[in-house]
Amino acid sequence: MSDFRRSHRVQWWRLEGVIDEDTRYEAVRSRDARFDGEFFFAVETTGIYCRPSCPAVTPRRRNVRFYPTAAAAQSAGFRACRRCRPDAAPGSAEWNVRADVVGRAMRMIKDGVVDREGVGGLAVRLGYSARQVQRQLTAEVGAGPVALARAQRAHTARVLLQTTTLPVTEIAFAAGFASVRQFNDTIRAVYAATPSELRAAAPRGVPAVRRVAAPSAGIPLRLAHRGPYQSTAVFDQFAREAIRGVEEVEGARGHRTYRRTLRLPYGTAVVAVDERPGRAASRPSTHGHRGGWLDARLHLTDPRDLPSAVQRLRRLFDLDADPYAVDERLAADPRLAPLVAARPGLRSPGAADPDEFAVRAVVGWGRAEELVHRYGKVLDSPYGTLTHVFPEPAVLVEAEPHGTPGALATALADGTLRLDAGADRDDAYDALLALPGMDPRVAAVIRTRALGDPDVAPPGPDVPDAWRPWRSYALQHLRTAGEPVPGEQEDHRS
């Protein structure tokens, strides 16, 4: 994590997630959008909580309270602001960076683990007792796993209410609520409105959405990010890596659409994300760059998969990154400074399906296409050139049991190797290296992309410590600029 961030009006020190409240209030007073999602503030006199960039009149300092998560503000009895919609802010970069139990828990909760498996299932995956998980989350983020999952369910419900015409009862269960009564009570508590009122208040401007008849027809979303975003570089990379039948990139450069199939907990999906021209050139203003979004549309066979699909896309496009912290550290290096200046906000893409990415990295691009068309699940209805879902590890174990690919598929299928959102990165990396025939360079690529580790360097070459804790981003700058990347094979496509 970055130790220091600076703007014209705000000096931001982040040390183990601790920020003094005067600094937070200055960010609120200057409506600095760089900190949206990093913390939330609530106003005791109104009972409402907001994101730092809320355009409303700045409240007096004595009336303001600060919270690390929207769930913590909700648990304290505050309602979401209808003007700035704090639940739609980009996620905190901290949870993607941190490798400890709290960071892993936050990633899994966002992926819907509590809704599907309960707090007990979350605890088992983390290797802690439910009480320990509750205690650590409450101490660090101001809310336990149930409250955090509740906040996410409320956000999912709002999206479905305002972007589809699904019946309210279907939305309640699709968002993960156990009953319609629980759904109604939560919506009233979080938004101070009934579901019908929330639906009637659907925004017509920002974001502008067209209501669709059902999620199967596509749910339109805007995936928020903070700061500048180099969409051209990301779409260029995805175009090079696309596996026919599973992925496609079409359109003129600067106006492309990336589509792919996904296997999700309850069904399958086809997701589409549009390139947004002009975002890369943006520079921070006095109050910081306000960030932006990527337009997406999700075609789900089961609407309960909406939260998981959104989180997969956020990890794939690295939308919760903190470009200010990354750019500040890397720009201090003479070699990287001109690259950062040329591409502020460059992201380090992740993986939509970590297991799939690991197999692709091991077998190579050409062989991956072969596996798709021989063993992949065929979609009920083709979507353009998208015809298959990548074969899951259990299928590959039976079909291709030999060599490193077979050992990898076996480890993924039996749980010896976990690459999900809550996996321990060090344990997973050790398990990868233990596979027979595993190339350490490929293992490093899997750690970077499948596990979303922001600080990975290839084995062997001397990568400067000055690039820590953002070595993955440093190498991405070199790669994007066409400069030699230490330890990377020139023909490596994943």
Protein backbone atom coordinates (compact mmCIF):
# COMPACT_ATOMS: atom_id res chain seq x y z
CA MET A 1 0.00 0.00 0.00
CA SER A 2 1.10 3.55 -0.57
CA ASP A 3 2.42 5.36 2.50
CA PHE A 4 1.70 8.81 1.13
CA ARG A 5 -0.62 10.55 -1.31
CA ARG A 6 -0.76 14.26 -1.99
CA SER A 7 -3.13 16.68 -3.72
CA HIS A 8 -3.31 20.48 -3.71
CA ARG A 9 -5.63 20.53 -0.71
CA VAL A 10 -5.41 17.14 0.94
CA GLN A 11 -2.43 15.32 2.38
CA TRP A 12 -3.30 11.67 2.79
CA TRP A 13 -1.35 9.33 5.02
CA ARG A 14 -2.37 5.70 5.01
CA LEU A 15 -0.59 3.51 7.53
CA GLU A 16 -2.15 0.11 8.07
CA GLY A 17 -5.49 1.58 7.06
CA VAL A 18 -5.47 4.29 9.78
CA ILE A 19 -6.30 7.83 8.66
CA ASP A 20 -6.89 10.72 11.02
CA GLU A 21 -10.39 12.22 10.98
CA ASP A 22 -9.24 15.77 10.23
CA THR A 23 -7.73 14.48 6.98
CA ARG A 24 -10.95 12.67 6.16
CA TYR A 25 -12.99 15.79 6.79
CA GLU A 26 -10.71 17.83 4.51
CA ALA A 27 -11.34 15.24 1.78
CA VAL A 28 -15.09 15.66 2.33
CA ARG A 29 -14.84 19.45 2.39
CA SER A 30 -12.99 19.47 -0.93
CA ARG A 31 -15.34 16.79 -2.38
CA ASP A 32 -12.32 14.73 -3.37
CA ALA A 33 -13.60 11.82 -5.46
CA ARG A 34 -10.29 9.98 -5.18
CA PHE A 35 -11.44 8.73 -1.79
CA ASP A 36 -14.86 7.45 -2.82
CA GLY A 37 -15.11 3.92 -1.49
CA GLU A 38 -12.08 4.36 0.76
CA PHE A 39 -14.31 5.64 3.56
CA PHE A 40 -17.84 6.99 4.10
CA PHE A 41 -19.12 9.85 6.23
CA ALA A 42 -22.45 10.15 8.01
CA VAL A 43 -24.28 13.24 9.25
CA GLU A 44 -25.88 12.86 12.66
CA THR A 45 -28.41 15.66 12.11
CA THR A 46 -29.85 14.08 8.93
CA GLY A 47 -29.29 10.37 9.56
CA ILE A 48 -27.73 9.99 6.09
CA TYR A 49 -24.34 8.65 4.99
CA CYS A 50 -22.48 9.70 1.83
CA ARG A 51 -19.35 9.21 -0.23
CA PRO A 52 -16.62 11.91 0.15
CA SER A 53 -17.44 13.54 -3.20
CA CYS A 54 -21.13 14.09 -2.40
CA PRO A 55 -22.16 17.42 -4.01
CA ALA A 56 -24.44 18.38 -1.11
CA VAL A 57 -23.53 21.22 1.25
CA THR A 58 -20.65 20.16 3.49
CA PRO A 59 -21.93 19.44 7.01
CA ARG A 60 -20.31 20.92 10.08
CA ARG A 61 -17.42 18.94 11.44
CA ARG A 62 -19.05 18.29 14.79
CA ASN A 63 -21.99 16.55 13.07
CA VAL A 64 -19.88 14.18 10.97
CA ARG A 65 -18.94 10.59 11.75
CA PHE A 66 -16.66 8.42 9.62
CA TYR A 67 -16.96 4.75 8.70
CA PRO A 68 -14.65 2.40 6.77
CA THR A 69 -17.52 0.67 4.94
CA ALA A 70 -21.09 1.36 3.87
CA ALA A 71 -22.13 -1.62 5.99
CA ALA A 72 -20.68 0.01 9.12
CA ALA A 73 -22.65 3.20 8.45
CA GLN A 74 -25.82 1.19 7.88
CA SER A 75 -25.26 -0.81 11.06
CA ALA A 76 -25.03 2.49 12.96
CA GLY A 77 -28.50 3.40 11.71
CA PHE A 78 -27.66 5.75 8.82
CA ARG A 79 -29.44 5.66 5.44
CA ALA A 80 -27.79 5.92 2.03
CA CYS A 81 -27.80 9.34 0.39
CA ARG A 82 -30.07 9.37 -2.65
CA ARG A 83 -28.00 12.07 -4.30
CA CYS A 84 -24.50 10.57 -4.30
CA ARG A 85 -25.54 6.89 -4.01
CA PRO A 86 -22.61 5.83 -1.80
CA ASP A 87 -23.29 2.13 -2.33
CA ALA A 88 -22.29 2.56 -6.00
CA ALA A 89 -18.80 3.93 -5.18
CA PRO A 90 -15.75 1.96 -6.36
CA GLY A 91 -14.63 -0.67 -3.88
CA SER A 92 -11.77 0.10 -1.52
CA ALA A 93 -8.43 -0.77 -3.07
CA GLU A 94 -7.29 -1.99 0.33
CA TRP A 95 -9.25 -5.22 0.13
CA ASN A 96 -7.67 -6.21 -3.16
CA VAL A 97 -4.17 -5.43 -1.90
CA ARG A 98 -4.29 -7.00 1.52
CA ALA A 99 -3.43 -10.69 1.84
CA ASP A 100 -4.44 -11.12 5.49
CA VAL A 101 -7.63 -12.73 6.77
CA VAL A 102 -9.65 -9.48 6.66
CA GLY A 103 -8.69 -8.74 3.06
CA ARG A 104 -9.48 -12.32 2.04
CA ALA A 105 -12.80 -12.23 3.91
CA MET A 106 -13.84 -8.99 2.24
CA ARG A 107 -13.11 -10.40 -1.21
CA MET A 108 -15.13 -13.54 -0.50
CA ILE A 109 -18.08 -11.63 0.93
CA LYS A 110 -18.17 -9.51 -2.22
CA ASP A 111 -18.15 -12.73 -4.23
CA GLY A 112 -21.31 -13.88 -2.40
CA VAL A 113 -19.84 -16.60 -0.17
CA VAL A 114 -21.87 -15.58 2.91
CA ASP A 115 -25.11 -15.59 0.92
CA ARG A 116 -24.38 -19.05 -0.48
CA GLU A 117 -22.61 -20.76 2.41
CA GLY A 118 -23.30 -18.63 5.48
CA VAL A 119 -20.81 -17.27 7.99
CA GLY A 120 -19.78 -20.83 8.82
CA GLY A 121 -18.80 -21.48 5.22
CA LEU A 122 -16.80 -18.26 5.12
CA ALA A 123 -14.98 -19.22 8.31
CA VAL A 124 -14.13 -22.68 6.97
CA ARG A 125 -12.69 -21.21 3.81
CA LEU A 126 -10.56 -18.82 5.87
CA GLY A 127 -9.43 -21.49 8.32
CA TYR A 128 -10.72 -19.55 11.35
CA SER A 129 -13.66 -19.93 13.68
CA ALA A 130 -16.81 -17.92 12.95
CA ARG A 131 -16.24 -15.96 16.16
CA GLN A 132 -12.70 -15.01 15.13
CA VAL A 133 -13.89 -13.86 11.70
CA GLN A 134 -16.67 -11.78 13.29
CA ARG A 135 -14.25 -10.19 15.76
CA GLN A 136 -11.58 -9.31 13.20
CA LEU A 137 -14.00 -7.87 10.65
CA THR A 138 -15.85 -5.81 13.26
CA ALA A 139 -12.59 -4.43 14.63
CA GLU A 140 -11.22 -3.48 11.19
CA VAL A 141 -14.22 -2.47 9.09
CA GLY A 142 -16.89 -1.72 11.66
CA ALA A 143 -19.26 -4.52 10.63
CA GLY A 144 -19.40 -8.30 10.73
CA PRO A 145 -19.88 -10.66 7.78
CA VAL A 146 -23.68 -10.68 8.06
CA ALA A 147 -23.90 -6.87 7.96
CA LEU A 148 -21.42 -6.67 5.08
CA ALA A 149 -23.38 -9.25 3.08
CA ARG A 150 -26.62 -7.41 3.90
CA ALA A 151 -25.22 -4.17 2.49
CA GLN A 152 -24.24 -5.96 -0.70
CA ARG A 153 -27.68 -7.56 -1.02
CA ALA A 154 -29.28 -4.14 -0.68
CA HIS A 155 -27.07 -2.76 -3.44
CA THR A 156 -27.86 -5.71 -5.72
CA ALA A 157 -31.58 -5.23 -5.07
CA ARG A 158 -31.36 -1.54 -5.94
CA VAL A 159 -29.64 -2.35 -9.22
CA LEU A 160 -32.31 -4.89 -10.16
CA LEU A 161 -35.15 -2.59 -9.11
CA GLN A 162 -33.84 0.29 -11.16
CA THR A 163 -32.59 -1.55 -14.26
CA THR A 164 -35.13 -4.35 -14.77
CA THR A 165 -38.87 -4.84 -14.61
CA LEU A 166 -38.57 -8.10 -12.71
CA PRO A 167 -41.32 -8.57 -10.12
CA VAL A 168 -40.30 -7.37 -6.67
CA THR A 169 -40.66 -10.89 -5.24
CA GLU A 170 -38.21 -12.30 -7.78
CA ILE A 171 -35.76 -9.49 -7.07
CA ALA A 172 -35.87 -10.24 -3.34
CA PHE A 173 -34.66 -13.80 -3.81
CA ALA A 174 -32.34 -12.97 -6.71
CA ALA A 175 -30.52 -10.47 -4.47
CA GLY A 176 -30.01 -13.16 -1.83
CA PHE A 177 -32.69 -12.30 0.74
CA ALA A 178 -34.26 -15.16 2.64
CA SER A 179 -37.76 -13.67 2.55
CA VAL A 180 -39.72 -10.83 1.01
CA ARG A 181 -40.24 -9.37 4.47
CA GLN A 182 -36.49 -9.28 5.11
CA PHE A 183 -36.04 -7.66 1.70
CA ASN A 184 -38.64 -4.97 2.38
CA ASP A 185 -37.26 -4.20 5.84
CA THR A 186 -33.70 -3.91 4.54
CA ILE A 187 -34.60 -1.64 1.64
CA ARG A 188 -36.52 0.68 3.98
CA ALA A 189 -33.63 0.75 6.47
CA VAL A 190 -30.91 1.36 3.88
CA TYR A 191 -32.67 3.68 1.45
CA ALA A 192 -35.55 5.12 3.50
CA ALA A 193 -37.93 4.03 0.75
CA THR A 194 -40.06 1.07 -0.18
CA PRO A 195 -38.93 -1.11 -3.11
CA SER A 196 -41.67 0.43 -5.28
CA GLU A 197 -40.52 3.96 -4.37
CA LEU A 198 -36.92 3.03 -5.09
CA ARG A 199 -37.92 1.67 -8.48
CA ALA A 200 -39.87 4.83 -9.29
CA ALA A 201 -36.81 6.92 -8.38
CA ALA A 202 -34.57 5.18 -10.94
CA PRO A 203 -32.07 7.75 -12.25
CA ARG A 204 -32.66 9.03 -15.75
CA GLY A 205 -29.38 10.85 -16.17
CA VAL A 206 -26.29 9.50 -14.41
CA PRO A 207 -26.20 6.66 -14.79
CA ALA A 208 -28.69 6.54 -17.62
CA VAL A 209 -30.13 3.05 -17.90
CA ARG A 210 -32.73 1.39 -20.03
CA ARG A 211 -34.93 -0.95 -18.13
CA VAL A 212 -35.02 -4.45 -19.52
CA ALA A 213 -37.70 -7.06 -19.13
CA ALA A 214 -35.55 -9.59 -17.33
CA PRO A 215 -31.90 -10.35 -16.52
CA SER A 216 -31.88 -12.90 -19.36
CA ALA A 217 -32.26 -9.93 -21.71
CA GLY A 218 -29.26 -8.27 -20.14
CA ILE A 219 -28.79 -6.15 -17.03
CA PRO A 220 -27.13 -2.80 -17.85
CA LEU A 221 -24.57 -1.60 -15.32
CA ARG A 222 -21.93 1.06 -14.92
CA LEU A 223 -18.83 -0.33 -13.25
CA ALA A 224 -17.25 2.57 -11.38
CA HIS A 225 -13.53 3.18 -10.99
CA ARG A 226 -11.49 5.91 -9.32
CA GLY A 227 -9.06 8.12 -11.15
CA PRO A 228 -7.91 7.81 -14.77
CA TYR A 229 -8.31 4.48 -16.54
CA GLN A 230 -6.27 3.30 -19.52
CA SER A 231 -9.05 1.41 -21.26
CA THR A 232 -7.18 1.19 -24.58
CA ALA A 233 -4.29 -0.72 -23.05
CA VAL A 234 -6.64 -3.12 -21.26
CA PHE A 235 -8.72 -3.83 -24.37
CA ASP A 236 -5.57 -4.27 -26.46
CA GLN A 237 -4.41 -6.93 -24.03
CA PHE A 238 -7.75 -8.73 -23.97
CA ALA A 239 -7.87 -8.69 -27.78
CA ARG A 240 -4.45 -10.41 -27.91
CA GLU A 241 -5.46 -13.02 -25.34
CA ALA A 242 -9.00 -13.82 -26.52
CA ILE A 243 -9.85 -17.51 -26.79
CA ARG A 244 -12.34 -18.20 -29.59
CA GLY A 245 -15.66 -19.53 -28.40
CA VAL A 246 -15.19 -18.07 -24.91
CA GLU A 247 -14.13 -14.47 -25.62
CA GLU A 248 -14.36 -11.89 -28.34
CA VAL A 249 -13.34 -8.26 -28.84
CA GLU A 250 -15.07 -6.40 -31.63
CA GLY A 251 -15.31 -2.82 -32.88
CA ALA A 252 -12.89 -0.08 -33.85
CA ARG A 253 -10.05 0.69 -31.46
CA GLY A 254 -11.29 3.15 -28.86
CA HIS A 255 -14.89 1.92 -29.24
CA ARG A 256 -14.56 -1.80 -28.72
CA THR A 257 -16.70 -4.26 -26.80
CA TYR A 258 -15.23 -7.17 -24.87
CA ARG A 259 -17.51 -10.17 -24.38
CA ARG A 260 -17.00 -13.48 -22.68
CA THR A 261 -18.80 -16.41 -21.13
CA LEU A 262 -18.66 -17.18 -17.43
CA ARG A 263 -19.39 -20.16 -15.22
CA LEU A 264 -21.01 -18.86 -12.03
CA PRO A 265 -22.30 -20.50 -8.83
CA TYR A 266 -25.91 -20.82 -10.02
CA GLY A 267 -25.56 -20.88 -13.79
CA THR A 268 -23.72 -19.34 -16.71
CA ALA A 269 -23.50 -15.85 -18.13
CA VAL A 270 -22.43 -13.81 -21.10
CA VAL A 271 -20.98 -10.44 -20.09
CA ALA A 272 -20.11 -7.48 -22.29
CA VAL A 273 -18.01 -4.43 -21.37
CA ASP A 274 -17.52 -1.36 -23.55
CA GLU A 275 -14.31 0.56 -24.02
CA ARG A 276 -14.67 4.20 -22.97
CA PRO A 277 -12.56 6.50 -25.16
CA GLY A 278 -11.02 9.58 -23.64
CA ARG A 279 -10.81 8.35 -20.04
CA ALA A 280 -7.08 7.73 -20.27
CA ALA A 281 -6.18 11.33 -20.96
CA SER A 282 -7.91 12.70 -17.87
CA ARG A 283 -5.80 14.41 -15.23
CA PRO A 284 -6.60 15.05 -11.57
CA SER A 285 -8.13 18.43 -10.88
CA THR A 286 -7.74 20.38 -7.66
CA HIS A 287 -10.24 18.03 -6.08
CA GLY A 288 -8.83 14.93 -7.73
CA HIS A 289 -10.01 13.13 -10.85
CA ARG A 290 -13.62 12.13 -10.39
CA GLY A 291 -13.03 8.76 -11.93
CA GLY A 292 -15.53 7.22 -14.29
CA TRP A 293 -17.03 3.92 -15.26
CA LEU A 294 -17.16 1.16 -17.84
CA ASP A 295 -20.55 0.32 -19.33
CA ALA A 296 -21.44 -3.34 -19.03
CA ARG A 297 -24.34 -5.65 -19.76
CA LEU A 298 -24.83 -8.99 -18.06
CA HIS A 299 -26.91 -11.82 -19.54
CA LEU A 300 -27.47 -14.25 -16.67
CA THR A 301 -29.23 -17.60 -16.68
CA ASP A 302 -29.88 -17.06 -12.95
CA PRO A 303 -30.16 -13.51 -11.53
CA ARG A 304 -28.74 -14.71 -8.19
CA ASP A 305 -25.34 -14.67 -9.91
CA LEU A 306 -25.37 -10.89 -10.37
CA PRO A 307 -23.05 -10.06 -7.40
CA SER A 308 -20.55 -12.75 -8.38
CA ALA A 309 -20.54 -11.69 -12.03
CA VAL A 310 -19.97 -8.04 -11.10
CA GLN A 311 -17.07 -8.91 -8.82
CA ARG A 312 -15.50 -11.12 -11.50
CA LEU A 313 -15.60 -8.18 -13.90
CA ARG A 314 -14.22 -5.77 -11.33
CA ARG A 315 -11.26 -8.07 -10.72
CA LEU A 316 -10.73 -8.72 -14.43
CA PHE A 317 -10.62 -5.00 -15.26
CA ASP A 318 -8.86 -4.06 -11.98
CA LEU A 319 -11.54 -1.48 -11.23
CA ASP A 320 -10.97 -1.20 -7.48
CA ALA A 321 -7.31 -0.20 -7.83
CA ASP A 322 -5.94 3.02 -6.36
CA PRO A 323 -4.14 4.64 -9.31
CA TYR A 324 -2.93 7.56 -7.20
CA ALA A 325 -0.99 5.34 -4.83
CA VAL A 326 0.43 3.23 -7.67
CA ASP A 327 1.42 6.15 -9.90
CA GLU A 328 3.02 8.13 -7.08
CA ARG A 329 5.32 5.29 -6.09
CA LEU A 330 6.29 4.21 -9.61
CA ALA A 331 6.75 7.77 -10.91
CA ALA A 332 9.57 8.20 -8.39
CA ASP A 333 11.65 5.71 -10.40
CA PRO A 334 13.59 7.35 -13.29
CA ARG A 335 12.95 4.42 -15.63
CA LEU A 336 9.23 4.29 -14.99
CA ALA A 337 8.50 8.01 -14.60
CA PRO A 338 7.99 8.72 -18.35
CA LEU A 339 5.86 5.59 -18.71
CA VAL A 340 3.61 6.63 -15.82
CA ALA A 341 3.32 10.14 -17.24
CA ALA A 342 2.30 8.69 -20.61
CA ARG A 343 -0.26 6.29 -19.15
CA PRO A 344 -1.58 7.51 -15.79
CA GLY A 345 -3.89 5.03 -14.14
CA LEU A 346 -2.62 1.98 -16.04
CA ARG A 347 -4.22 -1.13 -14.57
CA SER A 348 -2.95 -4.66 -13.96
CA PRO A 349 -5.80 -6.85 -15.26
CA GLY A 350 -6.87 -9.88 -13.27
CA ALA A 351 -8.90 -12.92 -14.28
CA ALA A 352 -12.64 -13.45 -14.65
CA ASP A 353 -12.22 -17.14 -13.80
CA PRO A 354 -9.01 -17.89 -11.85
CA ASP A 355 -9.09 -21.65 -12.52
CA GLU A 356 -9.57 -21.05 -16.23
CA PHE A 357 -6.72 -18.56 -16.32
CA ALA A 358 -4.34 -20.96 -14.58
CA VAL A 359 -5.05 -23.70 -17.12
CA ARG A 360 -4.64 -21.26 -20.01
CA ALA A 361 -1.33 -20.02 -18.63
CA VAL A 362 0.01 -23.57 -18.35
CA VAL A 363 -1.17 -25.01 -21.68
CA GLY A 364 -0.74 -21.89 -23.84
CA TRP A 365 -3.14 -20.04 -26.09
CA GLY A 366 -3.48 -22.52 -28.96
CA ARG A 367 -3.98 -25.53 -26.73
CA ALA A 368 -6.53 -23.63 -24.62
CA GLU A 369 -8.71 -23.10 -27.70
CA GLU A 370 -8.50 -26.79 -28.42
CA LEU A 371 -9.63 -27.66 -24.90
CA VAL A 372 -12.58 -25.29 -25.18
CA HIS A 373 -13.93 -26.86 -28.34
CA ARG A 374 -13.31 -30.44 -27.23
CA TYR A 375 -14.41 -30.31 -23.59
CA GLY A 376 -16.09 -26.96 -22.92
CA LYS A 377 -19.75 -26.70 -21.97
CA VAL A 378 -21.80 -25.65 -24.99
CA LEU A 379 -24.10 -22.68 -24.46
CA ASP A 380 -27.80 -23.37 -24.91
CA SER A 381 -27.89 -20.48 -27.38
CA PRO A 382 -24.75 -19.11 -29.06
CA TYR A 383 -24.13 -15.41 -28.52
CA GLY A 384 -22.36 -14.16 -31.60
CA THR A 385 -19.07 -16.05 -31.77
CA LEU A 386 -19.40 -17.12 -28.12
CA THR A 387 -20.38 -20.77 -28.05
CA HIS A 388 -18.75 -22.39 -25.01
CA VAL A 389 -17.88 -22.01 -21.35
CA PHE A 390 -14.30 -22.99 -20.55
CA PRO A 391 -14.11 -26.60 -19.27
CA GLU A 392 -14.03 -26.88 -15.50
CA PRO A 393 -11.10 -28.66 -13.79
CA ALA A 394 -13.09 -31.82 -12.98
CA VAL A 395 -13.78 -32.34 -16.69
CA LEU A 396 -10.14 -31.79 -17.61
CA VAL A 397 -8.97 -34.31 -15.01
CA GLU A 398 -10.79 -37.06 -16.87
CA ALA A 399 -10.03 -35.76 -20.35
CA GLU A 400 -6.39 -34.70 -19.96
CA PRO A 401 -5.00 -36.40 -16.82
CA HIS A 402 -1.30 -36.33 -17.69
CA GLY A 403 1.57 -33.89 -17.31
CA THR A 404 1.52 -30.48 -15.68
CA PRO A 405 -1.95 -29.60 -17.03
CA GLY A 406 -3.36 -32.79 -15.56
CA ALA A 407 -1.68 -32.19 -12.20
CA LEU A 408 -3.00 -28.62 -12.17
CA ALA A 409 -6.55 -29.70 -13.02
CA THR A 410 -6.44 -32.38 -10.31
CA ALA A 411 -5.22 -29.93 -7.67
CA LEU A 412 -7.93 -27.44 -8.61
CA ALA A 413 -10.66 -30.09 -8.69
CA ASP A 414 -9.82 -31.67 -5.32
CA GLY A 415 -9.18 -28.36 -3.54
CA THR A 416 -5.46 -28.91 -2.97
CA LEU A 417 -4.97 -25.66 -4.89
CA ARG A 418 -7.39 -22.76 -4.39
CA LEU A 419 -7.34 -19.66 -6.57
CA ASP A 420 -10.69 -18.14 -5.55
CA ALA A 421 -11.17 -14.61 -4.23
CA GLY A 422 -10.34 -15.62 -0.67
CA ALA A 423 -7.36 -17.88 -1.33
CA ASP A 424 -4.18 -17.34 0.64
CA ARG A 425 -1.76 -16.09 -2.01
CA ASP A 426 1.38 -17.55 -0.46
CA ASP A 427 -0.21 -20.97 0.07
CA ALA A 428 -1.57 -21.00 -3.47
CA TYR A 429 1.78 -19.99 -4.93
CA ASP A 430 3.57 -22.73 -3.00
CA ALA A 431 1.00 -25.25 -4.21
CA LEU A 432 1.55 -24.12 -7.80
CA LEU A 433 5.32 -24.49 -7.53
CA ALA A 434 4.86 -27.99 -6.07
CA LEU A 435 3.09 -29.22 -9.21
CA PRO A 436 5.31 -31.43 -11.39
CA GLY A 437 6.80 -29.53 -14.29
CA MET A 438 5.46 -26.13 -13.23
CA ASP A 439 7.51 -23.27 -14.70
CA PRO A 440 8.14 -20.69 -11.93
CA ARG A 441 7.60 -17.89 -14.46
CA VAL A 442 4.15 -19.23 -15.29
CA ALA A 443 3.39 -19.58 -11.57
CA ALA A 444 4.28 -15.90 -11.16
CA VAL A 445 1.90 -14.95 -13.98
CA ILE A 446 -0.88 -16.97 -12.33
CA ARG A 447 -0.20 -15.27 -9.02
CA THR A 448 -0.43 -11.86 -10.68
CA ARG A 449 -3.58 -12.46 -12.69
CA ALA A 450 -5.58 -15.26 -11.06
CA LEU A 451 -4.81 -14.21 -7.48
CA GLY A 452 -4.77 -10.48 -8.19
CA ASP A 453 -1.47 -9.91 -6.39
CA PRO A 454 -0.27 -6.33 -7.07
CA ASP A 455 3.34 -7.03 -6.10
CA VAL A 456 4.68 -9.95 -8.14
CA ALA A 457 8.06 -10.10 -9.82
CA PRO A 458 9.24 -13.00 -12.01
CA PRO A 459 11.75 -15.34 -10.39
CA GLY A 460 15.42 -14.74 -11.08
CA PRO A 461 15.73 -11.25 -12.57
CA ASP A 462 16.54 -8.40 -10.26
CA VAL A 463 13.43 -6.23 -10.07
CA PRO A 464 14.04 -3.04 -8.03
CA ASP A 465 12.66 -3.02 -4.50
CA ALA A 466 11.74 0.62 -5.12
CA TRP A 467 8.84 -0.70 -7.22
CA ARG A 468 7.31 -2.41 -4.18
CA PRO A 469 4.46 -2.86 -3.38
CA TRP A 470 3.38 -2.35 -7.01
CA ARG A 471 5.77 -4.53 -8.99
CA SER A 472 2.91 -6.10 -10.99
CA TYR A 473 1.97 -2.60 -12.18
CA ALA A 474 5.58 -1.70 -12.92
CA LEU A 475 5.96 -4.72 -15.18
CA GLN A 476 2.63 -3.88 -16.82
CA HIS A 477 3.99 -0.43 -17.69
CA LEU A 478 7.05 -2.00 -19.33
CA ARG A 479 4.93 -4.53 -21.18
CA THR A 480 2.46 -1.91 -22.46
CA ALA A 481 5.26 0.38 -23.61
CA GLY A 482 6.90 -2.47 -25.52
CA GLU A 483 10.00 -2.48 -23.34
CA PRO A 484 11.74 -5.68 -22.22
CA VAL A 485 10.08 -7.28 -19.21
CA PRO A 486 12.45 -9.13 -16.87
CA GLY A 487 11.97 -12.89 -17.03
CA GLU A 488 9.01 -12.84 -19.40
CA GLN A 489 8.84 -14.92 -22.51
CA GLU A 490 8.10 -12.85 -25.59
CA ASP A 491 5.61 -15.42 -26.93
CA HIS A 492 3.67 -15.73 -23.67
CA ARG A 493 0.06 -14.79 -24.46
CA SER A 494 -1.60 -15.16 -21.07
